[in-house]
Amino acid sequence: MNSEKENKPDKLRWHGKLTGVQARIRLLRSFDQRNHAYLGYALRVRGMVDNEEREFLVGIGKGAQAKHQFRVGDVASGESLPVADSVTEAVEFYKTSGLRLLERPEKQESEPPPWYGVPPELEVYRARGHRRLDAHTFEAECLGCLWGCKMPVEMIIDQWNPGNKKYRFETFCYGPKSCSFYKAGPTRKVPGRKGMVWEEEDWVDEDAVSHRSMDE
């Protein structure tokens, strides 16, 4: 019992200013099929972690976000573990505890895009649907936007051999279709068994957000 405690990694303390609060979602692909796992939220923090000053991403749960209502500009602190597997997580730290909201500035009045403020509940993201988002546009314009999302993607190459998997990251937009920053980027290709490839064409995105008007 004592040896298990000794081998258990210590949580790292962190604190800093939030430069982004986005949904934390994992995507599972199997050729032309896809499923989402809604894990919580990702805090983009510019501050200190493990006595090092830098920018980093912290995963928190749905309940923690509901309690604190984090948004861009907040100053927060907590304790988190480094993620066990960096290919299945878009954040660097997770299993967060001891969360505290240290400071909250007055609400920002800047006109979107990007959209700041408190992100909606995960069910809202599910209902809205997403479009693929060019990775360079995500990095340049959308890191702080509550509608942007970088997902770890697990791809089952052969459904008859589910252990055969590949991993990557994909970026998506849940925001209004009228966003002036939006760029779709190239279509995504999903590998399959025996060298087959499925291309996720534009109609997939169009169908996913067809229930929304341009400004929704």
C-alpha atoms as a PDB file:
ATOM      1  CA  MET A   1       0.000   0.000   0.000  1.00  0.00           C
ATOM      2  CA  ASN A   2       2.796   2.409   0.886  1.00  0.00           C
ATOM      3  CA  SER A   3       4.671   1.571  -2.325  1.00  0.00           C
ATOM      4  CA  GLU A   4       1.554   2.481  -4.356  1.00  0.00           C
ATOM      5  CA  LYS A   5       1.467   5.876  -2.655  1.00  0.00           C
ATOM      6  CA  GLU A   6       5.160   6.386  -3.311  1.00  0.00           C
ATOM      7  CA  ASN A   7       4.709   5.627  -7.032  1.00  0.00           C
ATOM      8  CA  LYS A   8       1.703   7.911  -7.406  1.00  0.00           C
ATOM      9  CA  PRO A   9       2.742  11.111  -9.253  1.00  0.00           C
ATOM     10  CA  ASP A  10       2.360  14.394  -7.427  1.00  0.00           C
ATOM     11  CA  LYS A  11       0.043  17.046  -8.752  1.00  0.00           C
ATOM     12  CA  LEU A  12       1.688  20.223  -9.996  1.00  0.00           C
ATOM     13  CA  ARG A  13       0.596  23.628  -8.790  1.00  0.00           C
ATOM     14  CA  TRP A  14      -0.198  26.239 -11.392  1.00  0.00           C
ATOM     15  CA  HIS A  15      -1.640  29.720 -11.618  1.00  0.00           C
ATOM     16  CA  GLY A  16      -2.061  32.342 -14.292  1.00  0.00           C
ATOM     17  CA  LYS A  17      -4.303  34.328 -16.608  1.00  0.00           C
ATOM     18  CA  LEU A  18      -6.755  32.490 -18.848  1.00  0.00           C
ATOM     19  CA  THR A  19      -6.255  33.295 -22.527  1.00  0.00           C
ATOM     20  CA  GLY A  20      -8.795  30.746 -23.730  1.00  0.00           C
ATOM     21  CA  VAL A  21     -11.596  28.515 -22.407  1.00  0.00           C
ATOM     22  CA  GLN A  22     -12.848  25.902 -24.874  1.00  0.00           C
ATOM     23  CA  ALA A  23     -14.734  22.632 -24.921  1.00  0.00           C
ATOM     24  CA  ARG A  24     -12.587  19.537 -24.381  1.00  0.00           C
ATOM     25  CA  ILE A  25     -13.854  16.882 -26.776  1.00  0.00           C
ATOM     26  CA  ARG A  26     -12.348  13.640 -28.086  1.00  0.00           C
ATOM     27  CA  LEU A  27     -13.209  12.285 -31.537  1.00  0.00           C
ATOM     28  CA  LEU A  28     -13.316   8.589 -32.437  1.00  0.00           C
ATOM     29  CA  ARG A  29     -13.238   7.761 -36.143  1.00  0.00           C
ATOM     30  CA  SER A  30     -13.864   4.448 -37.860  1.00  0.00           C
ATOM     31  CA  PHE A  31     -13.660   5.093 -41.599  1.00  0.00           C
ATOM     32  CA  ASP A  32     -16.859   7.088 -42.405  1.00  0.00           C
ATOM     33  CA  GLN A  33     -18.248   6.837 -38.857  1.00  0.00           C
ATOM     34  CA  ARG A  34     -17.455   9.263 -36.045  1.00  0.00           C
ATOM     35  CA  ASN A  35     -18.366   9.617 -32.381  1.00  0.00           C
ATOM     36  CA  HIS A  36     -17.591  12.300 -29.825  1.00  0.00           C
ATOM     37  CA  ALA A  37     -16.696  12.050 -26.137  1.00  0.00           C
ATOM     38  CA  TYR A  38     -17.474  15.254 -24.227  1.00  0.00           C
ATOM     39  CA  LEU A  39     -14.813  15.371 -21.507  1.00  0.00           C
ATOM     40  CA  GLY A  40     -15.131  18.880 -20.068  1.00  0.00           C
ATOM     41  CA  TYR A  41     -13.245  22.086 -20.803  1.00  0.00           C
ATOM     42  CA  ALA A  42      -9.706  23.177 -21.635  1.00  0.00           C
ATOM     43  CA  LEU A  43      -8.206  26.224 -19.938  1.00  0.00           C
ATOM     44  CA  ARG A  44      -5.397  27.946 -21.833  1.00  0.00           C
ATOM     45  CA  VAL A  45      -3.248  29.519 -19.122  1.00  0.00           C
ATOM     46  CA  ARG A  46      -0.399  31.996 -19.371  1.00  0.00           C
ATOM     47  CA  GLY A  47       1.401  31.777 -16.053  1.00  0.00           C
ATOM     48  CA  MET A  48       3.431  29.475 -13.820  1.00  0.00           C
ATOM     49  CA  VAL A  49       3.427  25.689 -13.603  1.00  0.00           C
ATOM     50  CA  ASP A  50       6.015  23.645 -11.725  1.00  0.00           C
ATOM     51  CA  ASN A  51       8.059  26.847 -11.163  1.00  0.00           C
ATOM     52  CA  GLU A  52       8.221  27.528 -14.912  1.00  0.00           C
ATOM     53  CA  GLU A  53       6.652  30.522 -16.633  1.00  0.00           C
ATOM     54  CA  ARG A  54       4.936  29.658 -19.937  1.00  0.00           C
ATOM     55  CA  GLU A  55       1.604  28.978 -21.647  1.00  0.00           C
ATOM     56  CA  PHE A  56      -0.069  25.614 -21.028  1.00  0.00           C
ATOM     57  CA  LEU A  57      -3.412  23.813 -21.289  1.00  0.00           C
ATOM     58  CA  VAL A  58      -5.323  22.425 -18.298  1.00  0.00           C
ATOM     59  CA  GLY A  59      -8.294  20.071 -18.515  1.00  0.00           C
ATOM     60  CA  ILE A  60     -11.164  20.531 -16.065  1.00  0.00           C
ATOM     61  CA  GLY A  61     -14.491  18.757 -15.656  1.00  0.00           C
ATOM     62  CA  LYS A  62     -17.973  19.894 -16.583  1.00  0.00           C
ATOM     63  CA  GLY A  63     -18.896  20.460 -12.934  1.00  0.00           C
ATOM     64  CA  ALA A  64     -15.847  22.617 -12.241  1.00  0.00           C
ATOM     65  CA  GLN A  65     -16.669  24.895 -15.167  1.00  0.00           C
ATOM     66  CA  ALA A  66     -20.310  25.110 -14.105  1.00  0.00           C
ATOM     67  CA  LYS A  67     -19.178  26.198 -10.637  1.00  0.00           C
ATOM     68  CA  HIS A  68     -16.543  28.777 -11.592  1.00  0.00           C
ATOM     69  CA  GLN A  69     -17.847  29.973 -15.000  1.00  0.00           C
ATOM     70  CA  PHE A  70     -14.316  30.601 -16.235  1.00  0.00           C
ATOM     71  CA  ARG A  71     -13.787  33.007 -19.125  1.00  0.00           C
ATOM     72  CA  VAL A  72     -10.924  34.727 -20.921  1.00  0.00           C
ATOM     73  CA  GLY A  73      -9.183  37.266 -18.669  1.00  0.00           C
ATOM     74  CA  ASP A  74      -9.783  35.426 -15.385  1.00  0.00           C
ATOM     75  CA  VAL A  75      -6.849  34.663 -13.120  1.00  0.00           C
ATOM     76  CA  ALA A  76      -7.065  31.152 -11.687  1.00  0.00           C
ATOM     77  CA  SER A  77      -5.041  28.520  -9.855  1.00  0.00           C
ATOM     78  CA  GLY A  78      -5.191  24.799  -9.214  1.00  0.00           C
ATOM     79  CA  GLU A  79      -3.333  21.500  -9.017  1.00  0.00           C
ATOM     80  CA  SER A  80      -3.177  19.026 -11.902  1.00  0.00           C
ATOM     81  CA  LEU A  81      -1.459  15.885 -13.103  1.00  0.00           C
ATOM     82  CA  PRO A  82       0.465  15.663 -16.373  1.00  0.00           C
ATOM     83  CA  VAL A  83      -1.646  13.690 -18.842  1.00  0.00           C
ATOM     84  CA  ALA A  84      -0.838   9.990 -19.028  1.00  0.00           C
ATOM     85  CA  ASP A  85      -1.068   9.798 -22.835  1.00  0.00           C
ATOM     86  CA  SER A  86      -0.417  12.905 -24.925  1.00  0.00           C
ATOM     87  CA  VAL A  87      -1.894  11.406 -28.120  1.00  0.00           C
ATOM     88  CA  THR A  88      -5.354  11.024 -26.595  1.00  0.00           C
ATOM     89  CA  GLU A  89      -5.463  14.432 -24.877  1.00  0.00           C
ATOM     90  CA  ALA A  90      -5.248  17.931 -26.340  1.00  0.00           C
ATOM     91  CA  VAL A  91      -4.380  19.342 -22.895  1.00  0.00           C
ATOM     92  CA  GLU A  92      -1.078  18.993 -21.062  1.00  0.00           C
ATOM     93  CA  PHE A  93      -2.528  18.625 -17.561  1.00  0.00           C
ATOM     94  CA  TYR A  94      -5.746  17.093 -16.207  1.00  0.00           C
ATOM     95  CA  LYS A  95      -7.402  15.540 -13.132  1.00  0.00           C
ATOM     96  CA  THR A  96      -7.471  19.052 -11.717  1.00  0.00           C
ATOM     97  CA  SER A  97      -8.368  19.844  -8.128  1.00  0.00           C
ATOM     98  CA  GLY A  98      -8.197  22.842  -5.796  1.00  0.00           C
ATOM     99  CA  LEU A  99      -9.472  25.199  -8.494  1.00  0.00           C
ATOM    100  CA  ARG A 100      -9.752  28.822  -7.452  1.00  0.00           C
ATOM    101  CA  LEU A 101     -10.892  31.932  -9.266  1.00  0.00           C
ATOM    102  CA  LEU A 102      -8.422  34.561  -8.052  1.00  0.00           C
ATOM    103  CA  GLU A 103      -9.404  37.577 -10.109  1.00  0.00           C
ATOM    104  CA  ARG A 104     -12.063  38.509 -12.628  1.00  0.00           C
ATOM    105  CA  PRO A 105     -11.819  41.661 -14.743  1.00  0.00           C
ATOM    106  CA  GLU A 106     -14.825  43.600 -15.941  1.00  0.00           C
ATOM    107  CA  LYS A 107     -16.580  42.013 -18.884  1.00  0.00           C
ATOM    108  CA  GLN A 108     -14.786  42.682 -22.152  1.00  0.00           C
ATOM    109  CA  GLU A 109     -16.712  44.764 -24.658  1.00  0.00           C
ATOM    110  CA  SER A 110     -14.713  43.923 -27.792  1.00  0.00           C
ATOM    111  CA  GLU A 111     -16.783  42.923 -30.813  1.00  0.00           C
ATOM    112  CA  PRO A 112     -16.473  39.314 -32.003  1.00  0.00           C
ATOM    113  CA  PRO A 113     -14.923  37.442 -33.649  1.00  0.00           C
ATOM    114  CA  PRO A 114     -13.336  35.849 -31.721  1.00  0.00           C
ATOM    115  CA  TRP A 115     -15.993  35.115 -29.104  1.00  0.00           C
ATOM    116  CA  TYR A 116     -14.876  35.396 -25.486  1.00  0.00           C
ATOM    117  CA  GLY A 117     -16.952  35.081 -22.340  1.00  0.00           C
ATOM    118  CA  VAL A 118     -18.219  31.973 -20.558  1.00  0.00           C
ATOM    119  CA  PRO A 119     -18.544  28.928 -22.842  1.00  0.00           C
ATOM    120  CA  PRO A 120     -21.947  27.207 -22.941  1.00  0.00           C
ATOM    121  CA  GLU A 121     -22.699  23.755 -21.550  1.00  0.00           C
ATOM    122  CA  LEU A 122     -21.333  20.786 -23.465  1.00  0.00           C
ATOM    123  CA  GLU A 123     -24.837  19.850 -24.595  1.00  0.00           C
ATOM    124  CA  VAL A 124     -24.940  23.102 -26.542  1.00  0.00           C
ATOM    125  CA  TYR A 125     -21.822  22.127 -28.483  1.00  0.00           C
ATOM    126  CA  ARG A 126     -23.355  18.746 -29.251  1.00  0.00           C
ATOM    127  CA  ALA A 127     -26.567  20.361 -30.502  1.00  0.00           C
ATOM    128  CA  ARG A 128     -24.820  23.007 -32.613  1.00  0.00           C
ATOM    129  CA  GLY A 129     -22.564  20.668 -34.557  1.00  0.00           C
ATOM    130  CA  HIS A 130     -19.182  21.674 -35.995  1.00  0.00           C
ATOM    131  CA  ARG A 131     -17.330  22.368 -39.225  1.00  0.00           C
ATOM    132  CA  ARG A 132     -13.716  21.496 -39.865  1.00  0.00           C
ATOM    133  CA  LEU A 133     -11.399  24.421 -39.171  1.00  0.00           C
ATOM    134  CA  ASP A 134      -8.072  25.058 -40.861  1.00  0.00           C
ATOM    135  CA  ALA A 135      -5.290  24.316 -38.350  1.00  0.00           C
ATOM    136  CA  HIS A 136      -3.324  27.474 -39.190  1.00  0.00           C
ATOM    137  CA  THR A 137      -6.442  29.624 -38.771  1.00  0.00           C
ATOM    138  CA  PHE A 138      -7.106  27.979 -35.403  1.00  0.00           C
ATOM    139  CA  GLU A 139      -3.586  28.839 -34.204  1.00  0.00           C
ATOM    140  CA  ALA A 140      -3.665  32.385 -35.595  1.00  0.00           C
ATOM    141  CA  GLU A 141      -7.215  33.513 -34.779  1.00  0.00           C
ATOM    142  CA  CYS A 142      -9.142  31.031 -32.653  1.00  0.00           C
ATOM    143  CA  LEU A 143      -7.033  30.038 -29.627  1.00  0.00           C
ATOM    144  CA  GLY A 144      -9.094  32.239 -27.329  1.00  0.00           C
ATOM    145  CA  CYS A 145     -12.485  31.761 -28.980  1.00  0.00           C
ATOM    146  CA  LEU A 146     -15.046  29.749 -27.035  1.00  0.00           C
ATOM    147  CA  TRP A 147     -16.270  28.151 -30.292  1.00  0.00           C
ATOM    148  CA  GLY A 148     -12.879  26.774 -31.340  1.00  0.00           C
ATOM    149  CA  CYS A 149     -11.881  23.218 -30.443  1.00  0.00           C
ATOM    150  CA  LYS A 150      -8.767  21.104 -30.942  1.00  0.00           C
ATOM    151  CA  MET A 151      -9.670  17.437 -30.649  1.00  0.00           C
ATOM    152  CA  PRO A 152      -7.466  14.385 -30.190  1.00  0.00           C
ATOM    153  CA  VAL A 153      -8.613  11.877 -32.801  1.00  0.00           C
ATOM    154  CA  GLU A 154      -8.442   8.105 -32.425  1.00  0.00           C
ATOM    155  CA  MET A 155      -8.871   6.239 -35.715  1.00  0.00           C
ATOM    156  CA  ILE A 156      -9.755   2.544 -35.811  1.00  0.00           C
ATOM    157  CA  ILE A 157      -8.186   1.401 -39.071  1.00  0.00           C
ATOM    158  CA  ASP A 158      -9.816  -2.037 -39.197  1.00  0.00           C
ATOM    159  CA  GLN A 159     -13.097  -2.643 -37.377  1.00  0.00           C
ATOM    160  CA  TRP A 160     -12.314  -6.380 -37.352  1.00  0.00           C
ATOM    161  CA  ASN A 161      -9.024  -5.623 -35.611  1.00  0.00           C
ATOM    162  CA  PRO A 162      -9.832  -2.725 -33.225  1.00  0.00           C
ATOM    163  CA  GLY A 163      -6.300  -2.756 -31.831  1.00  0.00           C
ATOM    164  CA  ASN A 164      -5.072  -1.349 -35.137  1.00  0.00           C
ATOM    165  CA  LYS A 165      -5.323   2.386 -34.460  1.00  0.00           C
ATOM    166  CA  LYS A 166      -3.783   5.683 -35.478  1.00  0.00           C
ATOM    167  CA  TYR A 167      -3.889   9.047 -33.753  1.00  0.00           C
ATOM    168  CA  ARG A 168      -3.806  12.705 -34.747  1.00  0.00           C
ATOM    169  CA  PHE A 169      -5.318  16.090 -33.848  1.00  0.00           C
ATOM    170  CA  GLU A 170      -8.023  17.956 -35.755  1.00  0.00           C
ATOM    171  CA  THR A 171      -9.416  21.458 -35.278  1.00  0.00           C
ATOM    172  CA  PHE A 172     -13.098  22.378 -35.498  1.00  0.00           C
ATOM    173  CA  CYS A 173     -15.390  25.407 -35.264  1.00  0.00           C
ATOM    174  CA  TYR A 174     -18.738  25.418 -33.447  1.00  0.00           C
ATOM    175  CA  GLY A 175     -19.246  29.145 -34.072  1.00  0.00           C
ATOM    176  CA  PRO A 176     -21.560  31.164 -36.300  1.00  0.00           C
ATOM    177  CA  LYS A 177     -21.327  30.287 -39.985  1.00  0.00           C
ATOM    178  CA  SER A 178     -20.892  33.980 -40.753  1.00  0.00           C
ATOM    179  CA  CYS A 179     -17.560  34.284 -38.856  1.00  0.00           C
ATOM    180  CA  SER A 180     -15.143  36.377 -40.940  1.00  0.00           C
ATOM    181  CA  PHE A 181     -12.111  34.468 -39.610  1.00  0.00           C
ATOM    182  CA  TYR A 182     -13.382  31.050 -40.632  1.00  0.00           C
ATOM    183  CA  LYS A 183     -11.459  28.943 -43.131  1.00  0.00           C
ATOM    184  CA  ALA A 184     -12.261  25.299 -43.658  1.00  0.00           C
ATOM    185  CA  GLY A 185      -8.870  24.154 -44.850  1.00  0.00           C
ATOM    186  CA  PRO A 186      -8.330  20.898 -46.746  1.00  0.00           C
ATOM    187  CA  THR A 187     -10.749  17.995 -46.410  1.00  0.00           C
ATOM    188  CA  ARG A 188      -9.816  15.263 -43.930  1.00  0.00           C
ATOM    189  CA  LYS A 189      -8.951  11.764 -45.085  1.00  0.00           C
ATOM    190  CA  VAL A 190      -9.483   8.739 -42.852  1.00  0.00           C
ATOM    191  CA  PRO A 191      -7.455   5.562 -43.477  1.00  0.00           C
ATOM    192  CA  GLY A 192      -9.201   2.188 -43.544  1.00  0.00           C
ATOM    193  CA  ARG A 193      -8.420  -1.485 -43.954  1.00  0.00           C
ATOM    194  CA  LYS A 194      -6.473  -2.766 -46.956  1.00  0.00           C
ATOM    195  CA  GLY A 195      -5.276   0.709 -47.867  1.00  0.00           C
ATOM    196  CA  MET A 196      -8.737   2.208 -48.353  1.00  0.00           C
ATOM    197  CA  VAL A 197      -9.240   5.918 -47.631  1.00  0.00           C
ATOM    198  CA  TRP A 198     -12.464   7.793 -46.877  1.00  0.00           C
ATOM    199  CA  GLU A 199     -12.553  11.545 -47.587  1.00  0.00           C
ATOM    200  CA  GLU A 200     -14.781  13.670 -45.389  1.00  0.00           C
ATOM    201  CA  GLU A 201     -16.148  16.015 -48.031  1.00  0.00           C
ATOM    202  CA  ASP A 202     -17.796  19.418 -47.591  1.00  0.00           C
ATOM    203  CA  TRP A 203     -21.322  17.999 -47.452  1.00  0.00           C
ATOM    204  CA  VAL A 204     -20.548  16.413 -44.053  1.00  0.00           C
ATOM    205  CA  ASP A 205     -19.926  19.847 -42.521  1.00  0.00           C
ATOM    206  CA  GLU A 206     -22.874  21.375 -44.339  1.00  0.00           C
ATOM    207  CA  ASP A 207     -25.172  18.684 -43.007  1.00  0.00           C
ATOM    208  CA  ALA A 208     -23.838  18.998 -39.437  1.00  0.00           C
ATOM    209  CA  VAL A 209     -24.727  22.702 -39.215  1.00  0.00           C
ATOM    210  CA  SER A 210     -27.672  22.836 -41.638  1.00  0.00           C
ATOM    211  CA  HIS A 211     -30.117  23.494 -38.783  1.00  0.00           C
ATOM    212  CA  ARG A 212     -28.406  26.810 -37.939  1.00  0.00           C
ATOM    213  CA  SER A 213     -28.758  30.172 -39.663  1.00  0.00           C
ATOM    214  CA  MET A 214     -25.666  32.111 -40.760  1.00  0.00           C
ATOM    215  CA  ASP A 215     -25.472  34.120 -37.518  1.00  0.00           C
ATOM    216  CA  GLU A 216     -26.184  31.246 -35.119  1.00  0.00           C
END
